[in-house]
Amino acid sequence: MTADAPFPLTTTRRAALRALSATALAATALASPAQEFPPKKTVTLVVGFAAGGAADLAARVIGKKLGDQTGLTVVIDNRAGAGGNLAHQYVAQGPADGSVLLFGSVGPLAIAPHLMKVGYDPVKDLAPITMGVNFPNVLVVHAGAGIKTFAEFIATAKKNPGKLDYASTGPGSASHLAGELMDDMAKIDTVHIPYKGGAPALQDLLGGRVTSYYSTYSTAQQHIDTGKLIPLAVTGPKRLPQLPHIPTIAESGYPGYNATNWYAFVASSKVPKAVLDRWNTELVKVLKSPDVVAELNHHGMPPAPSSREELGQEIARESAYWGRVIRDRKIVMQ
């Protein structure tokens, strides 16, 4: 047989080729599910707070764009309770195919585990995808409280220890710890009143059943514009573009005060890395789209897309920061 002559296909060789082909097809079939995207045509985006608050608003803006971009049906699932911890536990124990995503928040991801038993480990049970939005809160009071400035708020708290109260979106939430940090730095004693989200907290604030609230701008925006709520100070390092005349707490006599709020996308850590990476690609694209940027900025929640690694590092930094505050304040949840 010459070097360029075809190799004869004997019966044995044909059988071997058929077996090899079958093995390759089987291997491909086994590998496909782990790399399949999207995992399902309907994707559930879980939000840990009641409908009508900032987290819900941002999730719906992003979810709609994500559906338009991918052709998927994106369903918002509001699972309020325990400052968002119930939703985080639900997703941590959820399906491993990537069909359920969580619009997680700083409280359950970086604060609550220092305060209480939460039923999940944010590092081991939840996998980072991308930061969603990052923004400061605004300390607001209802117009009938007789408080017009941040200085008056502090003075009122000092004259009435244990009487001036503030609402939060739940124990261990960003709005809760903003008040704890303020109490610590100003040496005041205010009373924390937890709710199941921004909407019910706002309802009681407007009704005068609670005096103040470290609110997201989007939640309070309409009522600030109508004069029903009075903004006193911003909790982040910079003033809000929407409220340029309202100072930060840091520049109001408490340098170093910084309590930002954020919501980020995470999923069960059981989801394959390839699927998590693809979700990062899709969500970062959504968060950079001009219409989403414009709408979220309008509501005071600027998008902050990130890599998966950057989000993991941010969660670790925030956990260390708030862990120190909780230990220093000796905060214990009842």
Protein backbone atom coordinates (compact mmCIF):
# COMPACT_ATOMS: atom_id res chain seq x y z
CA MET A 1 0.00 0.00 0.00
CA THR A 2 1.43 3.40 -0.96
CA ALA A 3 1.55 6.33 1.48
CA ASP A 4 -1.33 8.21 -0.24
CA ALA A 5 -3.63 5.21 -0.67
CA PRO A 6 -6.88 5.30 1.39
CA PHE A 7 -6.93 3.15 4.48
CA PRO A 8 -9.33 0.27 3.88
CA LEU A 9 -12.55 0.48 5.95
CA THR A 10 -12.76 -3.01 7.33
CA THR A 11 -15.78 -4.20 9.33
CA THR A 12 -13.76 -3.78 12.52
CA ARG A 13 -12.77 -0.20 11.62
CA ARG A 14 -16.37 0.76 10.74
CA ALA A 15 -17.50 -0.51 14.13
CA ALA A 16 -14.76 1.42 15.88
CA LEU A 17 -15.69 4.66 14.08
CA ARG A 18 -19.36 4.20 14.94
CA ALA A 19 -18.45 3.66 18.60
CA LEU A 20 -16.19 6.75 18.62
CA SER A 21 -18.94 8.88 17.05
CA ALA A 22 -21.49 7.69 19.58
CA THR A 23 -19.10 8.48 22.44
CA ALA A 24 -18.49 12.00 21.11
CA LEU A 25 -22.22 12.66 20.75
CA ALA A 26 -22.86 11.43 24.27
CA ALA A 27 -20.10 13.64 25.66
CA THR A 28 -21.57 16.66 23.85
CA ALA A 29 -25.03 15.91 25.21
CA LEU A 30 -23.68 15.70 28.75
CA ALA A 31 -21.72 18.95 28.41
CA SER A 32 -24.57 21.00 26.90
CA PRO A 33 -26.77 21.53 30.01
CA ALA A 34 -23.93 23.08 32.01
CA GLN A 35 -23.29 25.62 29.23
CA GLU A 36 -26.89 26.19 28.14
CA PHE A 37 -28.08 29.79 28.18
CA PRO A 38 -30.65 30.93 28.88
CA PRO A 39 -31.47 28.16 31.33
CA LYS A 40 -35.22 28.70 30.79
CA LYS A 41 -37.38 31.08 28.80
CA THR A 42 -38.82 32.55 32.01
CA VAL A 43 -36.37 34.05 34.50
CA THR A 44 -37.38 35.06 38.02
CA LEU A 45 -35.82 38.18 39.51
CA VAL A 46 -36.33 38.08 43.28
CA VAL A 47 -36.53 41.33 45.26
CA GLY A 48 -36.34 41.23 49.05
CA PHE A 49 -38.65 44.17 49.69
CA ALA A 50 -42.28 45.10 49.12
CA ALA A 51 -43.43 46.49 45.79
CA GLY A 52 -43.27 50.26 45.47
CA GLY A 53 -39.86 50.86 47.06
CA ALA A 54 -36.51 51.69 45.50
CA ALA A 55 -35.34 48.09 45.08
CA ASP A 56 -38.57 47.15 43.35
CA LEU A 57 -38.43 50.20 41.07
CA ALA A 58 -34.83 49.57 39.99
CA ALA A 59 -35.47 45.85 39.50
CA ARG A 60 -38.43 46.54 37.21
CA VAL A 61 -36.48 49.05 35.11
CA ILE A 62 -33.59 46.63 34.71
CA GLY A 63 -35.80 43.56 34.33
CA LYS A 64 -37.82 45.10 31.49
CA LYS A 65 -34.68 45.98 29.57
CA LEU A 66 -33.21 42.54 30.23
CA GLY A 67 -36.33 40.93 28.79
CA ASP A 68 -36.26 43.17 25.71
CA GLN A 69 -32.57 42.47 25.19
CA THR A 70 -32.65 38.68 25.60
CA GLY A 71 -36.18 37.79 24.53
CA LEU A 72 -36.75 36.18 27.92
CA THR A 73 -39.77 36.66 30.15
CA VAL A 74 -38.51 38.32 33.35
CA VAL A 75 -40.83 37.96 36.33
CA ILE A 76 -40.35 40.11 39.44
CA ASP A 77 -40.93 38.16 42.67
CA ASN A 78 -41.24 40.40 45.75
CA ARG A 79 -40.38 38.35 48.86
CA ALA A 80 -40.42 40.91 51.67
CA GLY A 81 -39.49 40.20 55.25
CA ALA A 82 -36.62 40.26 57.75
CA GLY A 83 -34.91 43.17 56.03
CA GLY A 84 -34.57 41.23 52.78
CA ASN A 85 -33.07 38.15 54.43
CA LEU A 86 -35.99 35.86 53.52
CA ALA A 87 -35.42 36.50 49.82
CA HIS A 88 -31.68 35.90 50.12
CA GLN A 89 -32.25 32.59 51.90
CA TYR A 90 -34.79 31.57 49.26
CA VAL A 91 -32.36 32.15 46.39
CA ALA A 92 -29.41 30.60 48.24
CA GLN A 93 -31.44 27.40 48.52
CA GLY A 94 -32.97 27.74 45.06
CA PRO A 95 -32.43 26.06 41.70
CA ALA A 96 -28.91 25.62 40.35
CA ASP A 97 -29.68 26.32 36.70
CA GLY A 98 -29.45 30.14 36.83
CA SER A 99 -33.17 30.71 36.16
CA VAL A 100 -33.58 32.54 39.48
CA LEU A 101 -31.60 35.73 40.12
CA LEU A 102 -31.63 37.93 43.21
CA PHE A 103 -31.49 41.71 43.28
CA GLY A 104 -29.60 41.54 46.57
CA SER A 105 -28.95 44.42 48.92
CA VAL A 106 -26.17 45.60 51.18
CA GLY A 107 -28.11 44.67 54.34
CA PRO A 108 -28.51 40.92 53.82
CA LEU A 109 -25.22 40.56 51.93
CA ALA A 110 -22.90 42.53 54.22
CA ILE A 111 -24.69 43.61 57.41
CA ALA A 112 -27.32 41.16 58.65
CA PRO A 113 -24.96 38.16 59.05
CA HIS A 114 -23.17 40.16 61.78
CA LEU A 115 -26.47 40.72 63.60
CA MET A 116 -28.54 37.57 63.41
CA LYS A 117 -28.86 34.02 62.18
CA VAL A 118 -29.89 34.41 58.57
CA GLY A 119 -30.05 30.82 57.29
CA TYR A 120 -27.48 31.37 54.54
CA ASP A 121 -23.83 32.32 54.10
CA PRO A 122 -23.50 35.27 51.67
CA VAL A 123 -20.02 34.12 50.61
CA LYS A 124 -20.56 30.36 50.37
CA ASP A 125 -24.21 30.19 49.29
CA LEU A 126 -24.55 33.19 46.96
CA ALA A 127 -22.43 33.93 43.89
CA PRO A 128 -21.77 37.54 42.78
CA ILE A 129 -22.81 38.56 39.26
CA THR A 130 -22.58 42.37 39.05
CA MET A 131 -23.24 45.48 41.09
CA GLY A 132 -26.54 47.03 40.06
CA VAL A 133 -26.93 50.51 41.57
CA ASN A 134 -25.00 52.35 44.29
CA PHE A 135 -26.27 55.53 45.93
CA PRO A 136 -26.64 57.43 49.22
CA ASN A 137 -29.81 57.69 51.28
CA VAL A 138 -31.43 60.94 52.35
CA LEU A 139 -32.46 61.67 55.92
CA VAL A 140 -36.01 63.05 55.68
CA VAL A 141 -38.63 64.10 58.25
CA HIS A 142 -42.34 64.69 57.77
CA ALA A 143 -43.29 68.33 57.45
CA GLY A 144 -45.20 68.41 60.73
CA ALA A 145 -42.24 67.32 62.84
CA GLY A 146 -41.08 70.89 63.45
CA ILE A 147 -37.56 70.05 62.23
CA LYS A 148 -36.24 72.06 59.27
CA THR A 149 -32.50 71.38 59.25
CA PHE A 150 -30.05 68.63 60.11
CA ALA A 151 -28.71 70.71 63.00
CA GLU A 152 -32.25 70.88 64.42
CA PHE A 153 -32.58 67.11 64.05
CA ILE A 154 -29.44 66.52 66.13
CA ALA A 155 -30.49 69.13 68.69
CA THR A 156 -33.95 67.54 69.03
CA ALA A 157 -32.41 64.09 69.48
CA LYS A 158 -30.04 65.34 72.19
CA LYS A 159 -32.84 67.08 74.08
CA ASN A 160 -35.09 64.00 73.87
CA PRO A 161 -32.95 60.85 74.25
CA GLY A 162 -34.81 57.67 73.38
CA LYS A 163 -37.79 59.52 71.90
CA LEU A 164 -36.92 60.66 68.36
CA ASP A 165 -37.55 57.69 66.05
CA TYR A 166 -36.60 56.70 62.53
CA ALA A 167 -37.97 54.15 60.06
CA SER A 168 -35.96 51.55 58.17
CA THR A 169 -36.59 48.91 55.53
CA GLY A 170 -35.89 46.22 58.11
CA PRO A 171 -33.40 45.05 60.73
CA GLY A 172 -29.86 45.03 59.41
CA SER A 173 -30.77 47.11 56.34
CA ALA A 174 -28.78 50.07 55.03
CA SER A 175 -31.36 52.50 56.43
CA HIS A 176 -31.14 50.84 59.85
CA LEU A 177 -27.35 50.99 60.05
CA ALA A 178 -27.30 54.58 58.75
CA GLY A 179 -29.19 55.50 61.92
CA GLU A 180 -26.95 53.40 64.15
CA LEU A 181 -23.85 55.06 62.69
CA MET A 182 -25.42 58.48 63.19
CA ASP A 183 -26.25 57.70 66.82
CA ASP A 184 -22.69 56.56 67.39
CA MET A 185 -20.97 59.57 65.82
CA ALA A 186 -23.34 62.21 67.23
CA LYS A 187 -23.71 60.54 70.64
CA ILE A 188 -27.50 60.56 70.38
CA ASP A 189 -30.12 57.91 71.17
CA THR A 190 -32.81 57.53 68.50
CA VAL A 191 -35.35 54.71 68.23
CA HIS A 192 -35.25 52.29 65.29
CA ILE A 193 -38.64 51.30 63.79
CA PRO A 194 -38.24 48.51 61.19
CA TYR A 195 -40.60 47.93 58.25
CA LYS A 196 -40.80 45.39 55.41
CA GLY A 197 -39.66 47.83 52.77
CA GLY A 198 -39.55 51.45 51.68
CA ALA A 199 -43.23 51.73 50.72
CA PRO A 200 -44.69 50.81 54.16
CA ALA A 201 -42.03 52.90 55.91
CA LEU A 202 -42.95 55.88 53.76
CA GLN A 203 -46.65 55.40 54.45
CA ASP A 204 -46.15 55.69 58.21
CA LEU A 205 -43.73 58.59 57.79
CA LEU A 206 -46.28 60.55 55.75
CA GLY A 207 -48.94 59.71 58.32
CA GLY A 208 -46.81 61.10 61.14
CA ARG A 209 -46.58 57.74 62.89
CA VAL A 210 -42.80 57.89 62.64
CA THR A 211 -40.69 61.05 62.59
CA SER A 212 -37.77 60.39 60.26
CA TYR A 213 -36.39 57.96 57.71
CA TYR A 214 -33.02 57.39 56.04
CA SER A 215 -34.79 57.00 52.72
CA THR A 216 -33.72 56.33 49.17
CA TYR A 217 -34.24 59.45 47.07
CA SER A 218 -36.56 57.59 44.68
CA THR A 219 -38.89 56.60 47.53
CA ALA A 220 -39.11 60.13 48.95
CA GLN A 221 -38.76 62.10 45.71
CA GLN A 222 -42.41 62.92 45.02
CA HIS A 223 -43.10 63.94 48.62
CA ILE A 224 -39.98 66.10 48.83
CA ASP A 225 -41.18 67.91 45.71
CA THR A 226 -44.63 68.54 47.22
CA GLY A 227 -43.23 69.65 50.58
CA LYS A 228 -44.70 66.77 52.59
CA LEU A 229 -41.20 65.60 53.47
CA ILE A 230 -38.20 67.75 54.34
CA PRO A 231 -34.74 66.51 53.30
CA LEU A 232 -32.10 67.23 55.94
CA ALA A 233 -28.86 65.55 54.87
CA VAL A 234 -27.33 63.01 52.49
CA THR A 235 -25.65 59.89 53.90
CA GLY A 236 -22.98 59.44 51.21
CA PRO A 237 -19.68 61.23 50.55
CA LYS A 238 -21.17 63.56 47.89
CA ARG A 239 -24.31 65.64 47.57
CA LEU A 240 -27.09 64.31 45.36
CA PRO A 241 -27.34 66.04 41.95
CA GLN A 242 -31.12 66.10 42.46
CA LEU A 243 -30.73 67.92 45.82
CA PRO A 244 -27.61 70.07 45.39
CA HIS A 245 -28.62 72.38 48.26
CA ILE A 246 -28.82 69.54 50.80
CA PRO A 247 -25.47 68.88 52.54
CA THR A 248 -23.95 65.54 53.35
CA ILE A 249 -23.80 64.41 56.96
CA ALA A 250 -20.01 64.35 56.65
CA GLU A 251 -19.87 68.05 55.81
CA SER A 252 -22.42 68.88 58.53
CA GLY A 253 -20.07 68.29 61.43
CA TYR A 254 -19.44 64.56 61.21
CA PRO A 255 -16.46 63.98 58.90
CA GLY A 256 -15.99 60.36 57.96
CA TYR A 257 -19.69 59.53 58.06
CA ASN A 258 -20.48 57.37 55.02
CA ALA A 259 -23.47 55.04 54.64
CA THR A 260 -24.23 54.28 51.02
CA ASN A 261 -26.93 51.92 49.83
CA TRP A 262 -26.65 49.47 46.96
CA TYR A 263 -28.39 46.63 45.20
CA ALA A 264 -26.48 43.94 43.34
CA PHE A 265 -27.23 40.84 41.27
CA VAL A 266 -26.35 37.48 42.81
CA ALA A 267 -27.50 33.88 42.34
CA SER A 268 -27.16 30.54 44.06
CA SER A 269 -23.52 29.48 44.26
CA LYS A 270 -24.61 26.16 42.74
CA VAL A 271 -25.13 27.85 39.35
CA PRO A 272 -22.36 26.91 36.86
CA LYS A 273 -19.66 29.52 36.33
CA ALA A 274 -20.38 29.72 32.59
CA VAL A 275 -23.99 30.71 33.28
CA LEU A 276 -22.96 33.27 35.92
CA ASP A 277 -20.45 34.78 33.50
CA ARG A 278 -23.10 35.03 30.80
CA TRP A 279 -25.50 36.73 33.21
CA ASN A 280 -22.75 39.23 34.01
CA THR A 281 -22.36 40.00 30.30
CA GLU A 282 -26.11 40.48 29.77
CA LEU A 283 -26.70 42.55 32.92
CA VAL A 284 -23.69 44.81 32.41
CA LYS A 285 -24.97 45.52 28.91
CA VAL A 286 -28.38 46.44 30.35
CA LEU A 287 -26.85 48.67 33.04
CA LYS A 288 -24.83 50.55 30.42
CA SER A 289 -27.74 51.12 28.03
CA PRO A 290 -28.52 54.86 27.74
CA ASP A 291 -32.25 54.56 28.50
CA VAL A 292 -31.66 52.54 31.68
CA VAL A 293 -28.87 54.91 32.79
CA ALA A 294 -31.14 57.92 32.27
CA GLU A 295 -34.11 56.44 34.13
CA LEU A 296 -32.12 55.15 37.10
CA ASN A 297 -30.22 58.44 37.39
CA HIS A 298 -33.55 60.29 37.39
CA HIS A 299 -34.53 58.32 40.49
CA GLY A 300 -31.20 58.92 42.24
CA MET A 301 -29.89 55.39 41.73
CA PRO A 302 -26.97 55.57 39.30
CA PRO A 303 -25.99 52.24 37.70
CA ALA A 304 -22.66 50.80 38.81
CA PRO A 305 -21.95 47.73 36.64
CA SER A 306 -18.96 45.66 37.69
CA SER A 307 -17.15 42.40 37.13
CA ARG A 308 -18.07 39.43 39.27
CA GLU A 309 -14.76 39.73 41.10
CA GLU A 310 -15.26 43.45 41.83
CA LEU A 311 -18.67 42.79 43.35
CA GLY A 312 -17.23 40.06 45.56
CA GLN A 313 -14.55 42.45 46.78
CA GLU A 314 -17.11 45.18 47.49
CA ILE A 315 -19.27 42.82 49.54
CA ALA A 316 -16.18 41.83 51.57
CA ARG A 317 -15.23 45.49 52.18
CA GLU A 318 -18.74 46.45 53.25
CA SER A 319 -19.00 43.41 55.51
CA ALA A 320 -15.77 44.34 57.28
CA TYR A 321 -16.84 48.01 57.65
CA TRP A 322 -20.30 47.34 59.05
CA GLY A 323 -19.06 44.47 61.17
CA ARG A 324 -16.84 46.96 63.02
CA VAL A 325 -19.75 49.39 63.47
CA ILE A 326 -21.94 46.61 64.88
CA ARG A 327 -19.24 45.44 67.29
CA ASP A 328 -18.39 48.98 68.41
CA ARG A 329 -22.06 49.84 68.94
CA LYS A 330 -22.69 46.44 70.56
CA ILE A 331 -25.82 46.15 68.41
CA VAL A 332 -27.83 43.03 69.19
CA MET A 333 -31.04 42.14 67.40
CA GLN A 334 -33.87 41.12 69.71
